[in-house]
Amino acid sequence: MPAPPQKVSTEVSVGLGDCIHDILSRLRIEEMQTRGHRLDKGDVLIIREAVPDDAPRVMAFAEATSRESDFISFGPGEFGYTETHERAFIRECELSPGSLFILGEIDDALVSVLTFSAGERPRHRHAGEFGVSVRRPAWGRGIGGLMIDTLIGWAQNGGNITKINLRVRTDHERAIALYRKKGFAIEGAITRAVRIKGEYFDQYWMGRDI
């Protein structure tokens, strides 16, 4: 008669998971070093990967940007994540080779966030979609472009991502011009994709090969 299966200690499982997380985090940090970019007025933009402890700052950033522009995907009070959910999402991005979550900071103030996620199934893991936002006081300083450059460089160095996609409202001309400059092309359109206060807006689907 076979011996009964041994129970694995929950503490051991949690400890192993934390150990794997720490190892992968270190590898990703070595792969993508924190970068400083000189801006106008002598400011330096620091771009780095997010860590779970950044969750409260990211949530405050999301709420602030929702009040500064109608071009993002949610309005004031609509972000919908708790701090626990945000911490878990950042941790998932750290562990996933097909995800990236980066922050842009000036003097420790969070001014930009970019997230990218690839598909989970084998036929879709080569491609993913990103979103980027910048705080209104920092508009017009090239920050969004530097965040996108970091994403493209990460994809090129990683070797797994061969297609980057995005969606943008068709009336967001400034963003469309930036995406074109970074090598993205319009590949299609989605009608009535967004509704704000009863008004509908179309979106472009844009993509870039890596």
C-alpha atoms as a PDB file:
ATOM      1  CA  MET A   1       0.000   0.000   0.000  1.00  0.00           C
ATOM      2  CA  PRO A   2       1.573   3.328  -1.010  1.00  0.00           C
ATOM      3  CA  ALA A   3       2.432   5.793   1.682  1.00  0.00           C
ATOM      4  CA  PRO A   4      -0.031   8.667   2.058  1.00  0.00           C
ATOM      5  CA  PRO A   5       1.033  11.885   0.321  1.00  0.00           C
ATOM      6  CA  GLN A   6       2.951  14.268   2.511  1.00  0.00           C
ATOM      7  CA  LYS A   7       1.504  17.650   3.168  1.00  0.00           C
ATOM      8  CA  VAL A   8       3.601  20.594   2.088  1.00  0.00           C
ATOM      9  CA  SER A   9       3.911  23.250   4.730  1.00  0.00           C
ATOM     10  CA  THR A  10       2.195  26.491   3.766  1.00  0.00           C
ATOM     11  CA  GLU A  11       5.103  28.393   5.273  1.00  0.00           C
ATOM     12  CA  VAL A  12       7.554  26.487   3.047  1.00  0.00           C
ATOM     13  CA  SER A  13       5.432  27.189  -0.054  1.00  0.00           C
ATOM     14  CA  VAL A  14       5.190  30.887   0.749  1.00  0.00           C
ATOM     15  CA  GLY A  15       8.897  31.057   1.502  1.00  0.00           C
ATOM     16  CA  LEU A  16       9.783  29.370  -1.797  1.00  0.00           C
ATOM     17  CA  GLY A  17       7.505  31.741  -3.680  1.00  0.00           C
ATOM     18  CA  ASP A  18       9.137  34.745  -2.030  1.00  0.00           C
ATOM     19  CA  CYS A  19      12.587  33.343  -2.833  1.00  0.00           C
ATOM     20  CA  ILE A  20      11.703  32.857  -6.518  1.00  0.00           C
ATOM     21  CA  HIS A  21      10.175  36.347  -6.613  1.00  0.00           C
ATOM     22  CA  ASP A  22      13.352  37.888  -5.164  1.00  0.00           C
ATOM     23  CA  ILE A  23      15.584  36.050  -7.640  1.00  0.00           C
ATOM     24  CA  LEU A  24      13.468  37.064 -10.647  1.00  0.00           C
ATOM     25  CA  SER A  25      13.278  40.643  -9.384  1.00  0.00           C
ATOM     26  CA  ARG A  26      17.060  40.848  -9.136  1.00  0.00           C
ATOM     27  CA  LEU A  27      17.461  39.417 -12.617  1.00  0.00           C
ATOM     28  CA  ARG A  28      15.014  41.957 -14.066  1.00  0.00           C
ATOM     29  CA  ILE A  29      16.756  44.808 -12.237  1.00  0.00           C
ATOM     30  CA  GLU A  30      20.087  43.673 -13.679  1.00  0.00           C
ATOM     31  CA  GLU A  31      18.490  43.402 -17.138  1.00  0.00           C
ATOM     32  CA  MET A  32      16.911  46.843 -17.004  1.00  0.00           C
ATOM     33  CA  GLN A  33      18.920  49.284 -14.925  1.00  0.00           C
ATOM     34  CA  THR A  34      17.357  52.448 -13.576  1.00  0.00           C
ATOM     35  CA  ARG A  35      18.005  55.199 -16.097  1.00  0.00           C
ATOM     36  CA  GLY A  36      18.329  58.945 -15.727  1.00  0.00           C
ATOM     37  CA  HIS A  37      17.366  61.295 -18.579  1.00  0.00           C
ATOM     38  CA  ARG A  38      18.248  64.985 -18.618  1.00  0.00           C
ATOM     39  CA  LEU A  39      15.240  67.216 -19.317  1.00  0.00           C
ATOM     40  CA  ASP A  40      14.874  70.940 -19.834  1.00  0.00           C
ATOM     41  CA  LYS A  41      15.365  73.248 -16.825  1.00  0.00           C
ATOM     42  CA  GLY A  42      18.054  70.897 -15.524  1.00  0.00           C
ATOM     43  CA  ASP A  43      15.594  68.272 -14.246  1.00  0.00           C
ATOM     44  CA  VAL A  44      16.435  64.580 -14.445  1.00  0.00           C
ATOM     45  CA  LEU A  45      13.769  61.988 -15.229  1.00  0.00           C
ATOM     46  CA  ILE A  46      14.433  58.666 -13.499  1.00  0.00           C
ATOM     47  CA  ILE A  47      12.783  55.658 -15.150  1.00  0.00           C
ATOM     48  CA  ARG A  48      12.633  52.444 -13.147  1.00  0.00           C
ATOM     49  CA  GLU A  49      10.508  49.342 -12.708  1.00  0.00           C
ATOM     50  CA  ALA A  50       7.686  49.528 -10.191  1.00  0.00           C
ATOM     51  CA  VAL A  51       7.757  47.427  -7.017  1.00  0.00           C
ATOM     52  CA  PRO A  52       4.758  46.443  -4.871  1.00  0.00           C
ATOM     53  CA  ASP A  53       5.494  49.166  -2.301  1.00  0.00           C
ATOM     54  CA  ASP A  54       4.812  51.727  -5.056  1.00  0.00           C
ATOM     55  CA  ALA A  55       1.112  50.761  -5.063  1.00  0.00           C
ATOM     56  CA  PRO A  56      -0.171  53.707  -2.954  1.00  0.00           C
ATOM     57  CA  ARG A  57       1.712  56.218  -5.116  1.00  0.00           C
ATOM     58  CA  VAL A  58       0.464  54.612  -8.325  1.00  0.00           C
ATOM     59  CA  MET A  59      -3.124  54.787  -7.089  1.00  0.00           C
ATOM     60  CA  ALA A  60      -2.747  58.462  -6.166  1.00  0.00           C
ATOM     61  CA  PHE A  61      -1.198  59.087  -9.593  1.00  0.00           C
ATOM     62  CA  ALA A  62      -4.107  57.362 -11.353  1.00  0.00           C
ATOM     63  CA  GLU A  63      -6.684  59.439  -9.497  1.00  0.00           C
ATOM     64  CA  ALA A  64      -4.795  62.663 -10.267  1.00  0.00           C
ATOM     65  CA  THR A  65      -4.433  61.933 -13.998  1.00  0.00           C
ATOM     66  CA  SER A  66      -8.106  60.988 -14.230  1.00  0.00           C
ATOM     67  CA  ARG A  67      -8.905  64.596 -13.294  1.00  0.00           C
ATOM     68  CA  GLU A  68      -6.422  66.093 -15.757  1.00  0.00           C
ATOM     69  CA  SER A  69      -7.465  64.496 -19.050  1.00  0.00           C
ATOM     70  CA  ASP A  70     -10.419  62.765 -20.730  1.00  0.00           C
ATOM     71  CA  PHE A  71      -8.076  60.801 -22.972  1.00  0.00           C
ATOM     72  CA  ILE A  72      -7.333  58.073 -20.422  1.00  0.00           C
ATOM     73  CA  SER A  73      -9.553  55.027 -19.992  1.00  0.00           C
ATOM     74  CA  PHE A  74     -11.234  55.965 -16.696  1.00  0.00           C
ATOM     75  CA  GLY A  75     -12.645  59.034 -14.978  1.00  0.00           C
ATOM     76  CA  PRO A  76     -12.330  60.339 -11.410  1.00  0.00           C
ATOM     77  CA  GLY A  77     -13.129  57.628  -8.894  1.00  0.00           C
ATOM     78  CA  GLU A  78     -13.266  54.923 -11.585  1.00  0.00           C
ATOM     79  CA  PHE A  79      -9.775  53.384 -11.250  1.00  0.00           C
ATOM     80  CA  GLY A  80     -11.358  50.462  -9.407  1.00  0.00           C
ATOM     81  CA  TYR A  81      -8.276  48.953  -7.744  1.00  0.00           C
ATOM     82  CA  THR A  82      -7.628  48.640  -4.024  1.00  0.00           C
ATOM     83  CA  GLU A  83      -4.082  48.894  -2.714  1.00  0.00           C
ATOM     84  CA  THR A  84      -4.055  45.106  -2.287  1.00  0.00           C
ATOM     85  CA  HIS A  85      -5.075  44.609  -5.922  1.00  0.00           C
ATOM     86  CA  GLU A  86      -2.484  47.095  -7.153  1.00  0.00           C
ATOM     87  CA  ARG A  87       0.285  45.439  -5.139  1.00  0.00           C
ATOM     88  CA  ALA A  88      -0.681  42.068  -6.577  1.00  0.00           C
ATOM     89  CA  PHE A  89      -0.732  43.443 -10.134  1.00  0.00           C
ATOM     90  CA  ILE A  90       2.730  44.991  -9.769  1.00  0.00           C
ATOM     91  CA  ARG A  91       4.042  41.736  -8.356  1.00  0.00           C
ATOM     92  CA  GLU A  92       2.550  39.816 -11.298  1.00  0.00           C
ATOM     93  CA  CYS A  93       4.329  42.196 -13.685  1.00  0.00           C
ATOM     94  CA  GLU A  94       7.609  41.570 -11.871  1.00  0.00           C
ATOM     95  CA  LEU A  95       7.222  37.810 -12.257  1.00  0.00           C
ATOM     96  CA  SER A  96       5.986  37.777 -15.856  1.00  0.00           C
ATOM     97  CA  PRO A  97       8.565  37.910 -18.683  1.00  0.00           C
ATOM     98  CA  GLY A  98       5.853  39.380 -20.912  1.00  0.00           C
ATOM     99  CA  SER A  99       4.897  42.298 -18.660  1.00  0.00           C
ATOM    100  CA  LEU A 100       6.491  45.627 -17.843  1.00  0.00           C
ATOM    101  CA  PHE A 101       5.465  48.258 -15.285  1.00  0.00           C
ATOM    102  CA  ILE A 102       7.701  51.324 -15.231  1.00  0.00           C
ATOM    103  CA  LEU A 103       7.580  54.641 -13.401  1.00  0.00           C
ATOM    104  CA  GLY A 104       8.970  58.046 -14.355  1.00  0.00           C
ATOM    105  CA  GLU A 105      10.050  60.269 -11.465  1.00  0.00           C
ATOM    106  CA  ILE A 106      11.438  63.785 -11.117  1.00  0.00           C
ATOM    107  CA  ASP A 107      12.878  64.572  -7.678  1.00  0.00           C
ATOM    108  CA  ASP A 108      10.995  61.543  -6.290  1.00  0.00           C
ATOM    109  CA  ALA A 109       7.673  62.887  -7.630  1.00  0.00           C
ATOM    110  CA  LEU A 110       5.804  60.369  -9.804  1.00  0.00           C
ATOM    111  CA  VAL A 111       5.119  62.027 -13.168  1.00  0.00           C
ATOM    112  CA  SER A 112       4.546  59.099 -15.534  1.00  0.00           C
ATOM    113  CA  VAL A 113       3.417  55.472 -15.570  1.00  0.00           C
ATOM    114  CA  LEU A 114       3.633  52.911 -18.379  1.00  0.00           C
ATOM    115  CA  THR A 115       2.324  49.353 -18.320  1.00  0.00           C
ATOM    116  CA  PHE A 116       2.666  46.643 -20.948  1.00  0.00           C
ATOM    117  CA  SER A 117       1.194  43.142 -20.936  1.00  0.00           C
ATOM    118  CA  ALA A 118       1.612  40.409 -23.534  1.00  0.00           C
ATOM    119  CA  GLY A 119      -0.815  37.598 -24.225  1.00  0.00           C
ATOM    120  CA  GLU A 120      -0.719  34.548 -21.944  1.00  0.00           C
ATOM    121  CA  ARG A 121      -1.279  31.796 -24.513  1.00  0.00           C
ATOM    122  CA  PRO A 122       1.655  30.608 -26.671  1.00  0.00           C
ATOM    123  CA  ARG A 123       0.137  31.989 -29.877  1.00  0.00           C
ATOM    124  CA  HIS A 124      -0.145  35.465 -28.392  1.00  0.00           C
ATOM    125  CA  ARG A 125       2.891  35.755 -26.082  1.00  0.00           C
ATOM    126  CA  HIS A 126       4.906  37.584 -28.735  1.00  0.00           C
ATOM    127  CA  ALA A 127       2.530  40.591 -28.738  1.00  0.00           C
ATOM    128  CA  GLY A 128       0.974  42.876 -26.173  1.00  0.00           C
ATOM    129  CA  GLU A 129      -0.600  46.244 -25.503  1.00  0.00           C
ATOM    130  CA  PHE A 130       0.657  49.202 -23.517  1.00  0.00           C
ATOM    131  CA  GLY A 131      -0.747  52.350 -21.992  1.00  0.00           C
ATOM    132  CA  VAL A 132       1.167  55.404 -20.821  1.00  0.00           C
ATOM    133  CA  SER A 133       0.110  58.526 -18.947  1.00  0.00           C
ATOM    134  CA  VAL A 134       1.887  61.682 -17.789  1.00  0.00           C
ATOM    135  CA  ARG A 135       0.872  64.205 -15.150  1.00  0.00           C
ATOM    136  CA  ARG A 136      -0.413  67.436 -16.685  1.00  0.00           C
ATOM    137  CA  PRO A 137       2.282  69.710 -15.136  1.00  0.00           C
ATOM    138  CA  ALA A 138       4.890  67.554 -16.921  1.00  0.00           C
ATOM    139  CA  TRP A 139       3.276  67.614 -20.385  1.00  0.00           C
ATOM    140  CA  GLY A 140       5.363  68.813 -23.323  1.00  0.00           C
ATOM    141  CA  ARG A 141       8.743  67.796 -21.877  1.00  0.00           C
ATOM    142  CA  GLY A 142       9.320  64.607 -23.846  1.00  0.00           C
ATOM    143  CA  ILE A 143       8.553  62.323 -20.906  1.00  0.00           C
ATOM    144  CA  GLY A 144       6.012  60.148 -22.719  1.00  0.00           C
ATOM    145  CA  GLY A 145       8.495  59.593 -25.533  1.00  0.00           C
ATOM    146  CA  LEU A 146      11.239  58.530 -23.119  1.00  0.00           C
ATOM    147  CA  MET A 147       8.885  56.069 -21.432  1.00  0.00           C
ATOM    148  CA  ILE A 148       7.995  54.558 -24.824  1.00  0.00           C
ATOM    149  CA  ASP A 149      11.691  54.386 -25.776  1.00  0.00           C
ATOM    150  CA  THR A 150      12.302  52.404 -22.578  1.00  0.00           C
ATOM    151  CA  LEU A 151       9.515  49.967 -23.462  1.00  0.00           C
ATOM    152  CA  ILE A 152      10.849  49.483 -27.000  1.00  0.00           C
ATOM    153  CA  GLY A 153      14.390  48.946 -25.713  1.00  0.00           C
ATOM    154  CA  TRP A 154      13.165  46.421 -23.147  1.00  0.00           C
ATOM    155  CA  ALA A 155      11.308  44.490 -25.860  1.00  0.00           C
ATOM    156  CA  GLN A 156      14.293  44.553 -28.220  1.00  0.00           C
ATOM    157  CA  ASN A 157      16.697  43.319 -25.552  1.00  0.00           C
ATOM    158  CA  GLY A 158      14.357  40.638 -24.233  1.00  0.00           C
ATOM    159  CA  GLY A 159      13.856  38.865 -27.540  1.00  0.00           C
ATOM    160  CA  ASN A 160      10.391  37.537 -26.667  1.00  0.00           C
ATOM    161  CA  ILE A 161       8.167  40.474 -27.675  1.00  0.00           C
ATOM    162  CA  THR A 162       8.015  41.068 -31.420  1.00  0.00           C
ATOM    163  CA  LYS A 163       4.904  43.273 -31.625  1.00  0.00           C
ATOM    164  CA  ILE A 164       3.725  46.200 -29.470  1.00  0.00           C
ATOM    165  CA  ASN A 165       0.158  47.497 -29.805  1.00  0.00           C
ATOM    166  CA  LEU A 166      -1.856  50.391 -28.398  1.00  0.00           C
ATOM    167  CA  ARG A 167      -5.248  52.039 -28.647  1.00  0.00           C
ATOM    168  CA  VAL A 168      -5.711  55.794 -28.866  1.00  0.00           C
ATOM    169  CA  ARG A 169      -8.683  58.056 -29.482  1.00  0.00           C
ATOM    170  CA  THR A 170      -8.836  59.304 -33.041  1.00  0.00           C
ATOM    171  CA  ASP A 171      -9.101  62.911 -31.845  1.00  0.00           C
ATOM    172  CA  HIS A 172      -5.970  62.704 -29.663  1.00  0.00           C
ATOM    173  CA  GLU A 173      -3.767  64.203 -32.342  1.00  0.00           C
ATOM    174  CA  ARG A 174      -0.819  64.992 -30.088  1.00  0.00           C
ATOM    175  CA  ALA A 175      -0.527  61.390 -28.889  1.00  0.00           C
ATOM    176  CA  ILE A 176      -0.983  59.987 -32.403  1.00  0.00           C
ATOM    177  CA  ALA A 177       1.870  62.183 -33.651  1.00  0.00           C
ATOM    178  CA  LEU A 178       4.127  60.887 -30.852  1.00  0.00           C
ATOM    179  CA  TYR A 179       3.269  57.264 -31.574  1.00  0.00           C
ATOM    180  CA  ARG A 180       3.962  57.749 -35.285  1.00  0.00           C
ATOM    181  CA  LYS A 181       7.324  59.294 -34.388  1.00  0.00           C
ATOM    182  CA  LYS A 182       8.156  56.175 -32.366  1.00  0.00           C
ATOM    183  CA  GLY A 183       7.415  53.888 -35.307  1.00  0.00           C
ATOM    184  CA  PHE A 184       3.778  52.961 -34.672  1.00  0.00           C
ATOM    185  CA  ALA A 185       1.328  52.808 -37.559  1.00  0.00           C
ATOM    186  CA  ILE A 186      -2.460  52.881 -37.646  1.00  0.00           C
ATOM    187  CA  GLU A 187      -3.707  49.363 -38.345  1.00  0.00           C
ATOM    188  CA  GLY A 188      -7.433  49.823 -37.876  1.00  0.00           C
ATOM    189  CA  ALA A 189     -10.208  51.736 -36.165  1.00  0.00           C
ATOM    190  CA  ILE A 190     -12.792  50.895 -33.523  1.00  0.00           C
ATOM    191  CA  THR A 191     -15.981  52.931 -33.724  1.00  0.00           C
ATOM    192  CA  ARG A 192     -17.839  54.132 -30.625  1.00  0.00           C
ATOM    193  CA  ALA A 193     -15.113  52.619 -28.437  1.00  0.00           C
ATOM    194  CA  VAL A 194     -15.403  55.197 -25.642  1.00  0.00           C
ATOM    195  CA  ARG A 195     -18.430  56.936 -24.180  1.00  0.00           C
ATOM    196  CA  ILE A 196     -18.083  59.987 -21.943  1.00  0.00           C
ATOM    197  CA  LYS A 197     -21.206  61.765 -20.696  1.00  0.00           C
ATOM    198  CA  GLY A 198     -23.265  60.296 -23.535  1.00  0.00           C
ATOM    199  CA  GLU A 199     -20.780  61.231 -26.282  1.00  0.00           C
ATOM    200  CA  TYR A 200     -19.039  58.499 -28.279  1.00  0.00           C
ATOM    201  CA  PHE A 201     -15.429  58.525 -29.461  1.00  0.00           C
ATOM    202  CA  ASP A 202     -13.627  56.278 -31.943  1.00  0.00           C
ATOM    203  CA  GLN A 203     -10.213  54.742 -31.366  1.00  0.00           C
ATOM    204  CA  TYR A 204      -7.295  53.802 -33.610  1.00  0.00           C
ATOM    205  CA  TRP A 205      -5.537  50.493 -33.161  1.00  0.00           C
ATOM    206  CA  MET A 206      -1.813  51.155 -33.676  1.00  0.00           C
ATOM    207  CA  GLY A 207       1.109  48.749 -33.735  1.00  0.00           C
ATOM    208  CA  ARG A 208       4.867  48.496 -34.113  1.00  0.00           C
ATOM    209  CA  ASP A 209       7.014  45.503 -35.022  1.00  0.00           C
ATOM    210  CA  ILE A 210      10.130  44.854 -32.945  1.00  0.00           C
END
